[in-house]
C-alpha atoms as a PDB file:
ATOM      1  CA  MET A   1      29.191  31.912 -17.365  1.00  0.00           C
ATOM      2  CA  ASN A   2      26.337  33.622 -18.833  1.00  0.00           C
ATOM      3  CA  ASP A   3      23.357  34.800 -16.776  1.00  0.00           C
ATOM      4  CA  ILE A   4      20.916  32.194 -18.234  1.00  0.00           C
ATOM      5  CA  ASP A   5      23.409  29.414 -17.080  1.00  0.00           C
ATOM      6  CA  ARG A   6      23.990  30.648 -13.427  1.00  0.00           C
ATOM      7  CA  PRO A   7      22.199  28.917 -10.573  1.00  0.00           C
ATOM      8  CA  LEU A   8      19.287  30.965  -9.462  1.00  0.00           C
ATOM      9  CA  THR A   9      19.185  32.545  -6.035  1.00  0.00           C
ATOM     10  CA  PRO A  10      16.753  30.753  -3.435  1.00  0.00           C
ATOM     11  CA  ASP A  11      14.144  33.495  -4.166  1.00  0.00           C
ATOM     12  CA  GLU A  12      14.188  33.525  -8.020  1.00  0.00           C
ATOM     13  CA  LEU A  13      14.129  29.457  -7.840  1.00  0.00           C
ATOM     14  CA  GLY A  14      11.140  29.881  -5.743  1.00  0.00           C
ATOM     15  CA  HIS A  15       9.456  32.052  -8.516  1.00  0.00           C
ATOM     16  CA  ARG A  16      10.564  30.040 -11.292  1.00  0.00           C
ATOM     17  CA  LEU A  17       9.548  26.726  -9.624  1.00  0.00           C
ATOM     18  CA  THR A  18       5.863  28.103  -8.919  1.00  0.00           C
ATOM     19  CA  GLU A  19       5.640  28.582 -12.472  1.00  0.00           C
ATOM     20  CA  VAL A  20       6.371  24.783 -13.033  1.00  0.00           C
ATOM     21  CA  PHE A  21       3.878  23.846 -10.313  1.00  0.00           C
ATOM     22  CA  ASP A  22       1.193  25.965 -12.035  1.00  0.00           C
ATOM     23  CA  LEU A  23       1.797  23.839 -15.351  1.00  0.00           C
ATOM     24  CA  VAL A  24       2.117  20.431 -13.651  1.00  0.00           C
ATOM     25  CA  GLY A  25      -1.403  20.467 -11.804  1.00  0.00           C
ATOM     26  CA  PRO A  26      -3.417  21.089 -15.057  1.00  0.00           C
ATOM     27  CA  LEU A  27      -0.982  18.909 -17.070  1.00  0.00           C
ATOM     28  CA  TYR A  28      -1.568  16.119 -14.613  1.00  0.00           C
ATOM     29  CA  ARG A  29      -5.313  16.604 -14.503  1.00  0.00           C
ATOM     30  CA  ARG A  30      -5.824  16.489 -18.278  1.00  0.00           C
ATOM     31  CA  ALA A  31      -3.447  13.541 -18.429  1.00  0.00           C
ATOM     32  CA  VAL A  32      -5.709  11.639 -16.055  1.00  0.00           C
ATOM     33  CA  ARG A  33      -8.751  12.644 -17.850  1.00  0.00           C
ATOM     34  CA  LYS A  34      -7.064  11.264 -21.126  1.00  0.00           C
ATOM     35  CA  VAL A  35      -6.336   7.964 -19.296  1.00  0.00           C
ATOM     36  CA  GLU A  36      -9.991   7.896 -17.953  1.00  0.00           C
ATOM     37  CA  GLN A  37     -11.311   8.248 -21.452  1.00  0.00           C
ATOM     38  CA  GLY A  38      -9.280   5.227 -22.462  1.00  0.00           C
ATOM     39  CA  GLU A  39     -10.864   3.352 -19.458  1.00  0.00           C
ATOM     40  CA  ALA A  40     -13.766   2.409 -21.511  1.00  0.00           C
ATOM     41  CA  VAL A  41     -11.188   0.433 -24.142  1.00  0.00           C
ATOM     42  CA  GLU A  42      -9.072  -1.008 -21.048  1.00  0.00           C
ATOM     43  CA  GLY A  43     -11.473  -0.732 -18.184  1.00  0.00           C
ATOM     44  CA  ILE A  44      -8.565   0.804 -16.116  1.00  0.00           C
ATOM     45  CA  SER A  45      -8.265   3.636 -13.731  1.00  0.00           C
ATOM     46  CA  VAL A  46      -5.253   5.994 -13.517  1.00  0.00           C
ATOM     47  CA  GLY A  47      -4.460   4.355 -10.065  1.00  0.00           C
ATOM     48  CA  VAL A  48      -4.645   0.755 -11.557  1.00  0.00           C
ATOM     49  CA  ARG A  49      -2.560   2.141 -14.498  1.00  0.00           C
ATOM     50  CA  ALA A  50       0.089   3.269 -12.260  1.00  0.00           C
ATOM     51  CA  VAL A  51       0.291   0.198 -10.337  1.00  0.00           C
ATOM     52  CA  LEU A  52       0.536  -1.968 -13.590  1.00  0.00           C
ATOM     53  CA  ASP A  53       3.118   0.359 -15.012  1.00  0.00           C
ATOM     54  CA  LEU A  54       5.384  -0.059 -11.831  1.00  0.00           C
ATOM     55  CA  LEU A  55       4.947  -3.683 -11.854  1.00  0.00           C
ATOM     56  CA  ARG A  56       5.849  -4.089 -15.356  1.00  0.00           C
ATOM     57  CA  GLN A  57       9.170  -2.175 -14.772  1.00  0.00           C
ATOM     58  CA  SER A  58      10.196  -4.027 -11.422  1.00  0.00           C
ATOM     59  CA  ASP A  59      10.277  -7.248  -9.510  1.00  0.00           C
ATOM     60  CA  PRO A  60       7.266  -8.212  -7.480  1.00  0.00           C
ATOM     61  CA  MET A  61       6.773  -5.600  -4.669  1.00  0.00           C
ATOM     62  CA  THR A  62       4.496  -5.316  -1.750  1.00  0.00           C
ATOM     63  CA  VAL A  63       1.610  -2.867  -1.310  1.00  0.00           C
ATOM     64  CA  PRO A  64       3.756  -0.355   1.036  1.00  0.00           C
ATOM     65  CA  GLN A  65       6.633  -0.455  -1.369  1.00  0.00           C
ATOM     66  CA  MET A  66       4.585   0.467  -4.129  1.00  0.00           C
ATOM     67  CA  GLY A  67       2.893   3.078  -2.262  1.00  0.00           C
ATOM     68  CA  ARG A  68       6.268   4.681  -1.430  1.00  0.00           C
ATOM     69  CA  VAL A  69       7.521   4.672  -4.929  1.00  0.00           C
ATOM     70  CA  LEU A  70       4.130   5.913  -6.310  1.00  0.00           C
ATOM     71  CA  ALA A  71       3.936   8.323  -3.537  1.00  0.00           C
ATOM     72  CA  LEU A  72       0.479   7.168  -2.777  1.00  0.00           C
ATOM     73  CA  SER A  73      -1.163   5.950   0.332  1.00  0.00           C
ATOM     74  CA  ARG A  74      -0.696   2.407   1.324  1.00  0.00           C
ATOM     75  CA  GLN A  75      -4.574   2.158   1.472  1.00  0.00           C
ATOM     76  CA  PHE A  76      -5.098   3.558  -1.997  1.00  0.00           C
ATOM     77  CA  VAL A  77      -2.516   1.460  -3.543  1.00  0.00           C
ATOM     78  CA  GLN A  78      -4.268  -1.494  -1.781  1.00  0.00           C
ATOM     79  CA  ARG A  79      -7.502  -0.558  -3.373  1.00  0.00           C
ATOM     80  CA  MET A  80      -5.840  -0.406  -6.878  1.00  0.00           C
ATOM     81  CA  VAL A  81      -4.202  -3.793  -6.362  1.00  0.00           C
ATOM     82  CA  ASN A  82      -7.438  -5.175  -5.497  1.00  0.00           C
ATOM     83  CA  ASP A  83      -9.047  -3.702  -8.680  1.00  0.00           C
ATOM     84  CA  ALA A  84      -6.238  -5.019 -10.589  1.00  0.00           C
ATOM     85  CA  ALA A  85      -6.354  -8.477  -8.997  1.00  0.00           C
ATOM     86  CA  ALA A  86     -10.285  -8.654  -9.688  1.00  0.00           C
ATOM     87  CA  GLN A  87      -9.378  -8.057 -13.420  1.00  0.00           C
ATOM     88  CA  GLY A  88      -6.657 -10.695 -13.420  1.00  0.00           C
ATOM     89  CA  TRP A  89      -4.071  -8.284 -14.124  1.00  0.00           C
ATOM     90  CA  VAL A  90      -1.983  -8.938 -10.908  1.00  0.00           C
ATOM     91  CA  GLU A  91      -1.510 -11.791  -8.246  1.00  0.00           C
ATOM     92  CA  ALA A  92      -0.306 -11.979  -4.887  1.00  0.00           C
ATOM     93  CA  ILE A  93       2.301 -14.327  -4.379  1.00  0.00           C
ATOM     94  CA  PRO A  94       4.266 -15.626  -0.972  1.00  0.00           C
ATOM     95  CA  ASN A  95       6.818 -13.082   0.328  1.00  0.00           C
ATOM     96  CA  PRO A  96       9.784 -15.004   1.876  1.00  0.00           C
ATOM     97  CA  ALA A  97      10.971 -11.763   3.707  1.00  0.00           C
ATOM     98  CA  HIS A  98       7.555 -11.200   5.224  1.00  0.00           C
ATOM     99  CA  GLN A  99       4.676 -13.456   5.791  1.00  0.00           C
ATOM    100  CA  ARG A 100       1.889 -11.022   6.273  1.00  0.00           C
ATOM    101  CA  SER A 101       2.932  -8.866   3.475  1.00  0.00           C
ATOM    102  CA  SER A 102       2.439 -10.639   0.023  1.00  0.00           C
ATOM    103  CA  LEU A 103       4.327  -9.804  -3.082  1.00  0.00           C
ATOM    104  CA  ILE A 104       2.157  -8.366  -6.050  1.00  0.00           C
ATOM    105  CA  ARG A 105       3.330  -9.685  -9.424  1.00  0.00           C
ATOM    106  CA  ILE A 106       1.829  -8.537 -12.863  1.00  0.00           C
ATOM    107  CA  THR A 107       0.197 -11.295 -14.767  1.00  0.00           C
ATOM    108  CA  ASP A 108       0.743 -11.894 -18.501  1.00  0.00           C
ATOM    109  CA  GLU A 109      -2.783 -10.277 -19.069  1.00  0.00           C
ATOM    110  CA  GLY A 110      -1.752  -7.397 -17.017  1.00  0.00           C
ATOM    111  CA  ARG A 111       1.224  -6.947 -18.923  1.00  0.00           C
ATOM    112  CA  ALA A 112      -0.662  -7.067 -22.340  1.00  0.00           C
ATOM    113  CA  THR A 113      -3.095  -4.400 -20.773  1.00  0.00           C
ATOM    114  CA  ILE A 114      -0.383  -2.135 -19.711  1.00  0.00           C
ATOM    115  CA  THR A 115       1.482  -2.763 -23.041  1.00  0.00           C
ATOM    116  CA  ALA A 116      -1.484  -1.541 -24.962  1.00  0.00           C
ATOM    117  CA  ILE A 117      -2.192   1.551 -22.686  1.00  0.00           C
ATOM    118  CA  LEU A 118       1.591   2.629 -23.012  1.00  0.00           C
ATOM    119  CA  GLY A 119       1.127   2.191 -26.755  1.00  0.00           C
ATOM    120  CA  ARG A 120      -1.781   4.486 -27.087  1.00  0.00           C
ATOM    121  CA  GLU A 121      -0.011   6.991 -24.736  1.00  0.00           C
ATOM    122  CA  HIS A 122       3.148   6.936 -26.919  1.00  0.00           C
ATOM    123  CA  HIS A 123       1.073   7.654 -29.982  1.00  0.00           C
ATOM    124  CA  LEU A 124      -0.467  10.777 -28.262  1.00  0.00           C
ATOM    125  CA  ASN A 125       2.920  12.005 -26.753  1.00  0.00           C
ATOM    126  CA  ARG A 126       4.364  11.874 -30.335  1.00  0.00           C
ATOM    127  CA  GLN A 127       2.143  14.696 -31.078  1.00  0.00           C
ATOM    128  CA  VAL A 128       3.577  17.171 -28.819  1.00  0.00           C
ATOM    129  CA  GLY A 129       5.166  19.857 -30.837  1.00  0.00           C
ATOM    130  CA  GLY A 130       7.508  22.603 -29.898  1.00  0.00           C
ATOM    131  CA  ASP A 131      10.989  21.096 -31.388  1.00  0.00           C
ATOM    132  CA  LEU A 132      11.864  19.918 -28.094  1.00  0.00           C
ATOM    133  CA  THR A 133      15.308  18.594 -27.848  1.00  0.00           C
ATOM    134  CA  ASP A 134      16.877  15.649 -25.725  1.00  0.00           C
ATOM    135  CA  ALA A 135      18.768  18.397 -23.551  1.00  0.00           C
ATOM    136  CA  GLU A 136      15.488  20.215 -22.872  1.00  0.00           C
ATOM    137  CA  LEU A 137      13.743  16.866 -21.770  1.00  0.00           C
ATOM    138  CA  ARG A 138      16.614  15.702 -19.554  1.00  0.00           C
ATOM    139  CA  ALA A 139      16.629  19.248 -17.997  1.00  0.00           C
ATOM    140  CA  THR A 140      12.772  18.962 -17.310  1.00  0.00           C
ATOM    141  CA  VAL A 141      13.200  15.642 -15.783  1.00  0.00           C
ATOM    142  CA  ARG A 142      16.025  16.847 -13.437  1.00  0.00           C
ATOM    143  CA  VAL A 143      14.280  19.793 -12.363  1.00  0.00           C
ATOM    144  CA  LEU A 144      11.008  17.730 -11.640  1.00  0.00           C
ATOM    145  CA  ARG A 145      13.092  15.058  -9.883  1.00  0.00           C
ATOM    146  CA  GLU A 146      14.580  17.984  -7.664  1.00  0.00           C
ATOM    147  CA  MET A 147      11.269  19.352  -6.922  1.00  0.00           C
ATOM    148  CA  LEU A 148       9.859  15.766  -5.864  1.00  0.00           C
ATOM    149  CA  LYS A 149      12.959  15.148  -3.527  1.00  0.00           C
ATOM    150  CA  ALA A 150      12.345  18.392  -1.904  1.00  0.00           C
ATOM    151  CA  LEU A 151       8.740  16.941  -1.003  1.00  0.00           C
ATOM    152  CA  ASP A 152      10.016  13.401   0.036  1.00  0.00           C
ATOM    153  CA  HIS A 153       9.345  14.273   3.976  1.00  0.00           C
ATOM    154  CA  VAL A 154       5.640  14.788   3.033  1.00  0.00           C
ATOM    155  CA  ASP A 155       3.584  12.004   4.726  1.00  0.00           C
ATOM    156  CA  LEU A 156       1.320  10.143   2.431  1.00  0.00           C
ATOM    157  CA  ASP A 157      -0.702   7.953   4.863  1.00  0.00           C
END
């Protein structure tokens, strides 16, 4: 096994992951700003975008379920759902499993809105350079998932 392929010691890993966190913060903030620039077109905040994208990919969910998946507080998700509902992008439907916690479902208008946003984002993402390979991106996703898993215990509410 060559040196680059050996697992890092906990101390080495800690230093290298700090480099990743140092990049993820500015990357996230710039991505948020880019989405917010598109808000004038679709009238959508980053939080509502996250809710719509999650519901686009899943069956209807409760607000607490969405909060857990998105790693956001229930209260914040509820505000985003309320904003999306006011635009006609989501709707509450009865939840057979829990009378007091409705399921939230994306509407056709919401699906069209998030599809347009994702198309614009895909266009921007195509402009990323660096001759990146599938293996590099799979490794990046693996690293970020492990970092996220290490923070699963953090209370969001």
